[in-house]
């Protein structure tokens, strides 16, 4: 198989064109993944925040409420059998 100059230049042109198209396709994919998608996700987040008005969580208030709830649960119930009956004199 002999390669003529014309055939070699044609193969180089096809290779260069294919390489250029591949680089453009990969560049477009990179830009879509890292630029366009990020911008649209940010826009979606901003729209959701504006529509639903989600307030940020105040962790110090949340922790204080958790501690208060734990303290309430930790308290024992009073012994009602030893409590004086305030209605005893009315029942006689």
PDB file of N, CA and C in Angstrom:
ATOM      1  N   UNK A   1       0.830  -1.178   0.000  1.00  0.00           N
ATOM      2  CA  UNK A   1       0.000   0.000   0.000  1.00  0.00           C
ATOM      3  C   UNK A   1       0.874   1.240   0.000  1.00  0.00           C
ATOM      4  N   UNK A   2       0.816   1.965  -1.036  1.00  0.00           N
ATOM      5  CA  UNK A   2       1.590   3.197  -1.103  1.00  0.00           C
ATOM      6  C   UNK A   2       0.666   4.365  -0.809  1.00  0.00           C
ATOM      7  N   UNK A   3       1.193   5.272  -0.086  1.00  0.00           N
ATOM      8  CA  UNK A   3       0.430   6.465   0.265  1.00  0.00           C
ATOM      9  C   UNK A   3       0.936   7.627  -0.559  1.00  0.00           C
ATOM     10  N   UNK A   4       0.052   8.226  -1.281  1.00  0.00           N
ATOM     11  CA  UNK A   4       0.446   9.399  -2.046  1.00  0.00           C
ATOM     12  C   UNK A   4       0.310  10.629  -1.165  1.00  0.00           C
ATOM     13  N   UNK A   5       0.916  11.690  -1.611  1.00  0.00           N
ATOM     14  CA  UNK A   5       0.876  12.937  -0.852  1.00  0.00           C
ATOM     15  C   UNK A   5      -0.555  13.434  -0.707  1.00  0.00           C
ATOM     16  N   UNK A   6      -1.332  13.267  -1.750  1.00  0.00           N
ATOM     17  CA  UNK A   6      -2.730  13.708  -1.724  1.00  0.00           C
ATOM     18  C   UNK A   6      -3.522  12.898  -0.688  1.00  0.00           C
ATOM     19  N   UNK A   7      -3.290  11.595  -0.635  1.00  0.00           N
ATOM     20  CA  UNK A   7      -4.009  10.746   0.308  1.00  0.00           C
ATOM     21  C   UNK A   7      -3.587  11.054   1.741  1.00  0.00           C
ATOM     22  N   UNK A   8      -2.322  11.300   1.979  1.00  0.00           N
ATOM     23  CA  UNK A   8      -1.824  11.647   3.312  1.00  0.00           C
ATOM     24  C   UNK A   8      -2.421  12.975   3.771  1.00  0.00           C
ATOM     25  N   UNK A   9      -2.454  13.973   2.880  1.00  0.00           N
ATOM     26  CA  UNK A   9      -3.011  15.266   3.260  1.00  0.00           C
ATOM     27  C   UNK A   9      -4.508  15.153   3.535  1.00  0.00           C
ATOM     28  N   UNK A  10      -5.211  14.271   2.792  1.00  0.00           N
ATOM     29  CA  UNK A  10      -6.631  14.062   3.021  1.00  0.00           C
ATOM     30  C   UNK A  10      -6.856  13.413   4.393  1.00  0.00           C
ATOM     31  N   UNK A  11      -6.006  12.445   4.761  1.00  0.00           N
ATOM     32  CA  UNK A  11      -6.128  11.788   6.063  1.00  0.00           C
ATOM     33  C   UNK A  11      -5.825  12.747   7.204  1.00  0.00           C
ATOM     34  N   UNK A  12      -4.840  13.625   6.973  1.00  0.00           N
ATOM     35  CA  UNK A  12      -4.513  14.626   7.992  1.00  0.00           C
ATOM     36  C   UNK A  12      -5.666  15.604   8.165  1.00  0.00           C
ATOM     37  N   UNK A  13      -6.300  16.022   7.063  1.00  0.00           N
ATOM     38  CA  UNK A  13      -7.428  16.942   7.143  1.00  0.00           C
ATOM     39  C   UNK A  13      -8.612  16.304   7.867  1.00  0.00           C
ATOM     40  N   UNK A  14      -8.875  15.036   7.552  1.00  0.00           N
ATOM     41  CA  UNK A  14      -9.973  14.334   8.223  1.00  0.00           C
ATOM     42  C   UNK A  14      -9.673  14.177   9.719  1.00  0.00           C
ATOM     43  N   UNK A  15      -8.446  13.830  10.038  1.00  0.00           N
ATOM     44  CA  UNK A  15      -8.049  13.688  11.443  1.00  0.00           C
ATOM     45  C   UNK A  15      -8.138  15.004  12.195  1.00  0.00           C
ATOM     46  N   UNK A  16      -7.683  16.082  11.548  1.00  0.00           N
ATOM     47  CA  UNK A  16      -7.728  17.390  12.194  1.00  0.00           C
ATOM     48  C   UNK A  16      -9.172  17.840  12.393  1.00  0.00           C
ATOM     49  N   UNK A  17     -10.020  17.614  11.391  1.00  0.00           N
ATOM     50  CA  UNK A  17     -11.424  17.988  11.506  1.00  0.00           C
ATOM     51  C   UNK A  17     -12.107  17.180  12.603  1.00  0.00           C
ATOM     52  N   UNK A  18     -11.849  15.887  12.647  1.00  0.00           N
ATOM     53  CA  UNK A  18     -12.430  15.034  13.687  1.00  0.00           C
ATOM     54  C   UNK A  18     -11.949  15.460  15.071  1.00  0.00           C
ATOM     55  N   UNK A  19     -10.669  15.768  15.172  1.00  0.00           N
ATOM     56  CA  UNK A  19     -10.119  16.226  16.452  1.00  0.00           C
ATOM     57  C   UNK A  19     -10.750  17.544  16.878  1.00  0.00           C
ATOM     58  N   UNK A  20     -10.919  18.468  15.940  1.00  0.00           N
ATOM     59  CA  UNK A  20     -11.527  19.754  16.255  1.00  0.00           C
ATOM     60  C   UNK A  20     -12.977  19.581  16.699  1.00  0.00           C
ATOM     61  N   UNK A  21     -13.713  18.715  16.020  1.00  0.00           N
ATOM     62  CA  UNK A  21     -15.100  18.468  16.415  1.00  0.00           C
ATOM     63  C   UNK A  21     -15.174  17.813  17.784  1.00  0.00           C
ATOM     64  N   UNK A  22     -14.267  16.903  18.062  1.00  0.00           N
ATOM     65  CA  UNK A  22     -14.227  16.251  19.367  1.00  0.00           C
ATOM     66  C   UNK A  22     -13.910  17.253  20.468  1.00  0.00           C
ATOM     67  N   UNK A  23     -12.954  18.134  20.226  1.00  0.00           N
ATOM     68  CA  UNK A  23     -12.609  19.161  21.210  1.00  0.00           C
ATOM     69  C   UNK A  23     -13.790  20.096  21.438  1.00  0.00           C
ATOM     70  N   UNK A  24     -14.481  20.487  20.370  1.00  0.00           N
ATOM     71  CA  UNK A  24     -15.657  21.357  20.517  1.00  0.00           C
ATOM     72  C   UNK A  24     -16.768  20.657  21.298  1.00  0.00           C
ATOM     73  N   UNK A  25     -16.985  19.373  21.017  1.00  0.00           N
ATOM     74  CA  UNK A  25     -18.026  18.629  21.728  1.00  0.00           C
ATOM     75  C   UNK A  25     -17.689  18.493  23.203  1.00  0.00           C
ATOM     76  N   UNK A  26     -16.445  18.154  23.502  1.00  0.00           N
ATOM     77  CA  UNK A  26     -16.045  18.029  24.902  1.00  0.00           C
ATOM     78  C   UNK A  26     -16.064  19.375  25.619  1.00  0.00           C
ATOM     79  N   UNK A  27     -15.669  20.433  24.922  1.00  0.00           N
ATOM     80  CA  UNK A  27     -15.732  21.770  25.509  1.00  0.00           C
ATOM     81  C   UNK A  27     -17.165  22.189  25.800  1.00  0.00           C
ATOM     82  N   UNK A  28     -18.064  21.875  24.875  1.00  0.00           N
ATOM     83  CA  UNK A  28     -19.473  22.202  25.086  1.00  0.00           C
ATOM     84  C   UNK A  28     -20.039  21.413  26.257  1.00  0.00           C
ATOM     85  N   UNK A  29     -19.682  20.151  26.368  1.00  0.00           N
ATOM     86  CA  UNK A  29     -20.143  19.334  27.479  1.00  0.00           C
ATOM     87  C   UNK A  29     -19.614  19.874  28.804  1.00  0.00           C
ATOM     88  N   UNK A  30     -18.352  20.259  28.827  1.00  0.00           N
ATOM     89  CA  UNK A  30     -17.767  20.834  30.039  1.00  0.00           C
ATOM     90  C   UNK A  30     -18.493  22.115  30.432  1.00  0.00           C
ATOM     91  N   UNK A  31     -18.719  23.004  29.461  1.00  0.00           N
ATOM     92  CA  UNK A  31     -19.414  24.255  29.771  1.00  0.00           C
ATOM     93  C   UNK A  31     -20.836  23.998  30.256  1.00  0.00           C
ATOM     94  N   UNK A  32     -21.521  23.030  29.668  1.00  0.00           N
ATOM     95  CA  UNK A  32     -22.877  22.715  30.095  1.00  0.00           C
ATOM     96  C   UNK A  32     -22.889  22.206  31.531  1.00  0.00           C
ATOM     97  N   UNK A  33     -21.992  21.276  31.829  1.00  0.00           N
ATOM     98  CA  UNK A  33     -21.978  20.675  33.166  1.00  0.00           C
ATOM     99  C   UNK A  33     -21.569  21.672  34.247  1.00  0.00           C
ATOM    100  N   UNK A  34     -20.564  22.473  33.980  1.00  0.00           N
ATOM    101  CA  UNK A  34     -19.989  23.302  35.029  1.00  0.00           C
ATOM    102  C   UNK A  34     -20.450  24.753  35.023  1.00  0.00           C
ATOM    103  N   UNK A  35     -21.015  25.214  33.966  1.00  0.00           N
ATOM    104  CA  UNK A  35     -21.422  26.615  33.923  1.00  0.00           C
ATOM    105  C   UNK A  35     -22.933  26.743  33.821  1.00  0.00           C
ATOM    106  N   UNK A  36     -23.505  26.225  32.776  1.00  0.00           N
ATOM    107  CA  UNK A  36     -24.938  26.404  32.546  1.00  0.00           C
ATOM    108  C   UNK A  36     -25.770  25.721  33.615  1.00  0.00           C
ATOM    109  N   UNK A  37     -25.431  24.465  33.945  1.00  0.00           N
ATOM    110  CA  UNK A  37     -26.194  23.736  34.950  1.00  0.00           C
ATOM    111  C   UNK A  37     -26.107  24.405  36.317  1.00  0.00           C
ATOM    112  N   UNK A  38     -24.944  24.916  36.671  1.00  0.00           N
ATOM    113  CA  UNK A  38     -24.768  25.592  37.949  1.00  0.00           C
ATOM    114  C   UNK A  38     -25.607  26.860  38.014  1.00  0.00           C
ATOM    115  N   UNK A  39     -25.624  27.611  36.938  1.00  0.00           N
ATOM    116  CA  UNK A  39     -26.411  28.845  36.905  1.00  0.00           C
ATOM    117  C   UNK A  39     -27.897  28.540  37.027  1.00  0.00           C
ATOM    118  N   UNK A  40     -28.393  27.533  36.320  1.00  0.00           N
ATOM    119  CA  UNK A  40     -29.818  27.215  36.391  1.00  0.00           C
ATOM    120  C   UNK A  40     -30.198  26.661  37.761  1.00  0.00           C
ATOM    121  N   UNK A  41     -29.336  25.865  38.385  1.00  0.00           N
ATOM    122  CA  UNK A  41     -29.624  25.365  39.731  1.00  0.00           C
ATOM    123  C   UNK A  41     -29.661  26.517  40.729  1.00  0.00           C
ATOM    124  N   UNK A  42     -28.772  27.486  40.575  1.00  0.00           N
ATOM    125  CA  UNK A  42     -28.782  28.654  41.447  1.00  0.00           C
ATOM    126  C   UNK A  42     -30.062  29.448  41.257  1.00  0.00           C
ATOM    127  N   UNK A  43     -30.508  29.603  40.027  1.00  0.00           N
ATOM    128  CA  UNK A  43     -31.770  30.303  39.766  1.00  0.00           C
ATOM    129  C   UNK A  43     -32.941  29.571  40.403  1.00  0.00           C
ATOM    130  N   UNK A  44     -32.950  28.238  40.324  1.00  0.00           N
ATOM    131  CA  UNK A  44     -34.023  27.457  40.948  1.00  0.00           C
ATOM    132  C   UNK A  44     -34.037  27.655  42.465  1.00  0.00           C
ATOM    133  N   UNK A  45     -32.868  27.671  43.068  1.00  0.00           N
ATOM    134  CA  UNK A  45     -32.783  27.873  44.518  1.00  0.00           C
ATOM    135  C   UNK A  45     -33.307  29.245  44.892  1.00  0.00           C
ATOM    136  N   UNK A  46     -32.930  30.262  44.143  1.00  0.00           N
ATOM    137  CA  UNK A  46     -33.402  31.616  44.436  1.00  0.00           C
ATOM    138  C   UNK A  46     -34.910  31.730  44.273  1.00  0.00           C
ATOM    139  N   UNK A  47     -35.457  31.085  43.250  1.00  0.00           N
ATOM    140  CA  UNK A  47     -36.905  31.114  43.043  1.00  0.00           C
ATOM    141  C   UNK A  47     -37.619  30.418  44.193  1.00  0.00           C
ATOM    142  N   UNK A  48     -37.110  29.272  44.624  1.00  0.00           N
ATOM    143  CA  UNK A  48     -37.735  28.560  45.737  1.00  0.00           C
ATOM    144  C   UNK A  48     -37.662  29.360  47.024  1.00  0.00           C
ATOM    145  N   UNK A  49     -36.548  30.009  47.278  1.00  0.00           N
ATOM    146  CA  UNK A  49     -36.440  30.837  48.489  1.00  0.00           C
ATOM    147  C   UNK A  49     -37.423  31.995  48.440  1.00  0.00           C
ATOM    148  N   UNK A  50     -37.586  32.583  47.263  1.00  0.00           N
ATOM    149  CA  UNK A  50     -38.488  33.728  47.132  1.00  0.00           C
ATOM    150  C   UNK A  50     -39.948  33.285  47.281  1.00  0.00           C
ATOM    151  N   UNK A  51     -40.308  32.138  46.707  1.00  0.00           N
ATOM    152  CA  UNK A  51     -41.694  31.681  46.744  1.00  0.00           C
ATOM    153  C   UNK A  51     -42.101  31.151  48.115  1.00  0.00           C
ATOM    154  N   UNK A  52     -41.237  30.382  48.738  1.00  0.00           N
ATOM    155  CA  UNK A  52     -41.624  29.735  49.978  1.00  0.00           C
ATOM    156  C   UNK A  52     -41.134  30.475  51.216  1.00  0.00           C
ATOM    157  N   UNK A  53     -40.241  31.388  51.075  1.00  0.00           N
ATOM    158  CA  UNK A  53     -39.781  32.202  52.198  1.00  0.00           C
ATOM    159  C   UNK A  53     -39.210  31.376  53.338  1.00  0.00           C
ATOM    160  N   UNK A  54     -38.339  30.451  53.028  1.00  0.00           N
ATOM    161  CA  UNK A  54     -37.755  29.606  54.053  1.00  0.00           C
ATOM    162  C   UNK A  54     -36.754  30.423  54.856  1.00  0.00           C
ATOM    163  N   UNK A  55     -36.971  30.462  56.167  1.00  0.00           N
ATOM    164  CA  UNK A  55     -36.048  31.187  57.035  1.00  0.00           C
ATOM    165  C   UNK A  55     -34.904  30.268  57.430  1.00  0.00           C
ATOM    166  N   UNK A  56     -33.740  30.830  57.633  1.00  0.00           N
ATOM    167  CA  UNK A  56     -32.632  29.987  58.077  1.00  0.00           C
ATOM    168  C   UNK A  56     -32.888  29.483  59.497  1.00  0.00           C
ATOM    169  N   UNK A  57     -32.373  28.314  59.806  1.00  0.00           N
ATOM    170  CA  UNK A  57     -32.564  27.706  61.112  1.00  0.00           C
ATOM    171  C   UNK A  57     -31.610  28.357  62.103  1.00  0.00           C
ATOM    172  N   UNK A  58     -32.180  28.830  63.206  1.00  0.00           N
ATOM    173  CA  UNK A  58     -31.356  29.414  64.265  1.00  0.00           C
ATOM    174  C   UNK A  58     -30.978  28.288  65.217  1.00  0.00           C
ATOM    175  N   UNK A  59     -29.751  27.838  65.122  1.00  0.00           N
ATOM    176  CA  UNK A  59     -29.343  26.649  65.868  1.00  0.00           C
ATOM    177  C   UNK A  59     -29.323  26.882  67.367  1.00  0.00           C
ATOM    178  N   UNK A  60     -28.995  28.094  67.805  1.00  0.00           N
ATOM    179  CA  UNK A  60     -28.947  28.331  69.251  1.00  0.00           C
ATOM    180  C   UNK A  60     -30.345  28.223  69.864  1.00  0.00           C
ATOM    181  N   UNK A  61     -31.365  28.702  69.177  1.00  0.00           N
ATOM    182  CA  UNK A  61     -32.738  28.578  69.667  1.00  0.00           C
ATOM    183  C   UNK A  61     -33.164  27.114  69.631  1.00  0.00           C
ATOM    184  N   UNK A  62     -32.795  26.416  68.576  1.00  0.00           N
ATOM    185  CA  UNK A  62     -33.148  25.007  68.440  1.00  0.00           C
ATOM    186  C   UNK A  62     -32.527  24.179  69.562  1.00  0.00           C
ATOM    187  N   UNK A  63     -31.264  24.430  69.873  1.00  0.00           N
ATOM    188  CA  UNK A  63     -30.584  23.687  70.939  1.00  0.00           C
ATOM    189  C   UNK A  63     -31.225  23.998  72.280  1.00  0.00           C
ATOM    190  N   UNK A  64     -31.573  25.274  72.524  1.00  0.00           N
ATOM    191  CA  UNK A  64     -32.207  25.648  73.786  1.00  0.00           C
ATOM    192  C   UNK A  64     -33.561  24.958  73.943  1.00  0.00           C
ATOM    193  N   UNK A  65     -34.332  24.876  72.861  1.00  0.00           N
ATOM    194  CA  UNK A  65     -35.622  24.192  72.921  1.00  0.00           C
ATOM    195  C   UNK A  65     -35.448  22.697  73.169  1.00  0.00           C
ATOM    196  N   UNK A  66     -34.440  22.096  72.568  1.00  0.00           N
ATOM    197  CA  UNK A  66     -34.182  20.675  72.808  1.00  0.00           C
ATOM    198  C   UNK A  66     -33.813  20.424  74.263  1.00  0.00           C
ATOM    199  N   UNK A  67     -32.978  21.286  74.826  1.00  0.00           N
ATOM    200  CA  UNK A  67     -32.584  21.116  76.216  1.00  0.00           C
ATOM    201  C   UNK A  67     -33.784  21.282  77.146  1.00  0.00           C
ATOM    202  N   UNK A  68     -34.643  22.260  76.863  1.00  0.00           N
ATOM    203  CA  UNK A  68     -35.827  22.461  77.691  1.00  0.00           C
ATOM    204  C   UNK A  68     -36.754  21.250  77.615  1.00  0.00           C
ATOM    205  N   UNK A  69     -36.893  20.670  76.447  1.00  0.00           N
ATOM    206  CA  UNK A  69     -37.741  19.496  76.295  1.00  0.00           C
ATOM    207  C   UNK A  69     -37.154  18.299  77.040  1.00  0.00           C
ATOM    208  N   UNK A  70     -35.853  18.137  76.993  1.00  0.00           N
ATOM    209  CA  UNK A  70     -35.210  17.051  77.735  1.00  0.00           C
ATOM    210  C   UNK A  70     -35.381  17.231  79.238  1.00  0.00           C
ATOM    211  N   UNK A  71     -35.269  18.468  79.729  1.00  0.00           N
ATOM    212  CA  UNK A  71     -35.468  18.734  81.150  1.00  0.00           C
ATOM    213  C   UNK A  71     -36.904  18.431  81.562  1.00  0.00           C
ATOM    214  N   UNK A  72     -37.861  18.787  80.711  1.00  0.00           N
ATOM    215  CA  UNK A  72     -39.263  18.503  81.012  1.00  0.00           C
ATOM    216  C   UNK A  72     -39.516  17.009  81.090  1.00  0.00           C
ATOM    217  N   UNK A  73     -38.918  16.268  80.178  1.00  0.00           N
ATOM    218  CA  UNK A  73     -39.104  14.818  80.170  1.00  0.00           C
ATOM    219  C   UNK A  73     -38.387  14.152  81.336  1.00  0.00           C
ATOM    220  N   UNK A  74     -37.320  14.760  81.805  1.00  0.00           N
ATOM    221  CA  UNK A  74     -36.543  14.168  82.897  1.00  0.00           C
ATOM    222  C   UNK A  74     -37.237  14.330  84.242  1.00  0.00           C
ATOM    223  N   UNK A  75     -38.151  15.263  84.375  1.00  0.00           N
ATOM    224  CA  UNK A  75     -38.843  15.473  85.650  1.00  0.00           C
ATOM    225  C   UNK A  75     -39.745  14.278  85.942  1.00  0.00           C
ATOM    226  N   UNK A  76     -39.771  13.908  87.220  1.00  0.00           N
ATOM    227  CA  UNK A  76     -40.628  12.802  87.623  1.00  0.00           C
ATOM    228  C   UNK A  76     -42.013  13.328  87.952  1.00  0.00           C
ATOM    229  N   UNK A  77     -42.983  12.458  87.876  1.00  0.00           N
ATOM    230  CA  UNK A  77     -44.350  12.864  88.220  1.00  0.00           C
ATOM    231  C   UNK A  77     -44.477  12.890  89.736  1.00  0.00           C
ATOM    232  N   UNK A  78     -45.240  13.815  90.265  1.00  0.00           N
ATOM    233  CA  UNK A  78     -45.372  13.905  91.733  1.00  0.00           C
ATOM    234  C   UNK A  78     -46.139  12.707  92.298  1.00  0.00           C
ATOM    235  N   UNK A  79     -45.866  12.423  93.546  1.00  0.00           N
ATOM    236  CA  UNK A  79     -46.564  11.343  94.243  1.00  0.00           C
ATOM    237  C   UNK A  79     -47.869  11.911  94.789  1.00  0.00           C
ATOM    238  N   UNK A  80     -48.952  11.640  94.118  1.00  0.00           N
ATOM    239  CA  UNK A  80     -50.238  12.240  94.476  1.00  0.00           C
ATOM    240  C   UNK A  80     -50.851  11.589  95.726  1.00  0.00           C
ATOM    241  N   UNK A  81     -50.379  10.413  96.090  1.00  0.00           N
ATOM    242  CA  UNK A  81     -50.955   9.762  97.281  1.00  0.00           C
ATOM    243  C   UNK A  81     -50.586  10.498  98.558  1.00  0.00           C
ATOM    244  N   UNK A  82     -49.450  11.174  98.595  1.00  0.00           N
ATOM    245  CA  UNK A  82     -49.037  11.900  99.798  1.00  0.00           C
ATOM    246  C   UNK A  82     -49.489  13.358  99.774  1.00  0.00           C
ATOM    247  N   UNK A  83     -50.136  13.798  98.715  1.00  0.00           N
ATOM    248  CA  UNK A  83     -50.585  15.194  98.623  1.00  0.00           C
ATOM    249  C   UNK A  83     -51.858  15.361  99.469  1.00  0.00           C
ATOM    250  N   UNK A  84     -51.968  16.495 100.164  1.00  0.00           N
ATOM    251  CA  UNK A  84     -53.180  16.720 100.987  1.00  0.00           C
ATOM    252  C   UNK A  84     -54.384  16.967 100.098  1.00  0.00           C
ATOM    253  N   UNK A  85     -55.527  16.512 100.518  1.00  0.00           N
ATOM    254  CA  UNK A  85     -56.753  16.700  99.780  1.00  0.00           C
ATOM    255  C   UNK A  85     -57.377  18.014 100.248  1.00  0.00           C
ATOM    256  N   UNK A  86     -57.376  19.017  99.406  1.00  0.00           N
ATOM    257  CA  UNK A  86     -57.896  20.338  99.786  1.00  0.00           C
ATOM    258  C   UNK A  86     -59.420  20.362  99.825  1.00  0.00           C
ATOM    259  N   UNK A  87     -60.059  19.390  99.234  1.00  0.00           N
ATOM    260  CA  UNK A  87     -61.509  19.340  99.215  1.00  0.00           C
ATOM    261  C   UNK A  87     -62.072  18.428 100.311  1.00  0.00           C
ATOM    262  N   UNK A  88     -61.213  17.920 101.168  1.00  0.00           N
ATOM    263  CA  UNK A  88     -61.650  16.954 102.194  1.00  0.00           C
ATOM    264  C   UNK A  88     -62.676  17.554 103.118  1.00  0.00           C
ATOM    265  N   UNK A  89     -62.515  18.820 103.545  1.00  0.00           N
ATOM    266  CA  UNK A  89     -63.453  19.388 104.512  1.00  0.00           C
ATOM    267  C   UNK A  89     -64.800  19.670 103.871  1.00  0.00           C
ATOM    268  N   UNK A  90     -64.848  19.853 102.546  1.00  0.00           N
ATOM    269  CA  UNK A  90     -66.116  20.086 101.860  1.00  0.00           C
ATOM    270  C   UNK A  90     -66.864  18.778 101.623  1.00  0.00           C
ATOM    271  N   UNK A  91     -66.154  17.670 101.635  1.00  0.00           N
ATOM    272  CA  UNK A  91     -66.779  16.383 101.367  1.00  0.00           C
ATOM    273  C   UNK A  91     -67.397  15.755 102.620  1.00  0.00           C
ATOM    274  N   UNK A  92     -67.116  16.258 103.808  1.00  0.00           N
ATOM    275  CA  UNK A  92     -67.630  15.683 105.048  1.00  0.00           C
ATOM    276  C   UNK A  92     -69.047  16.024 105.275  1.00  0.00           C
TER     277      UNK A  92
END
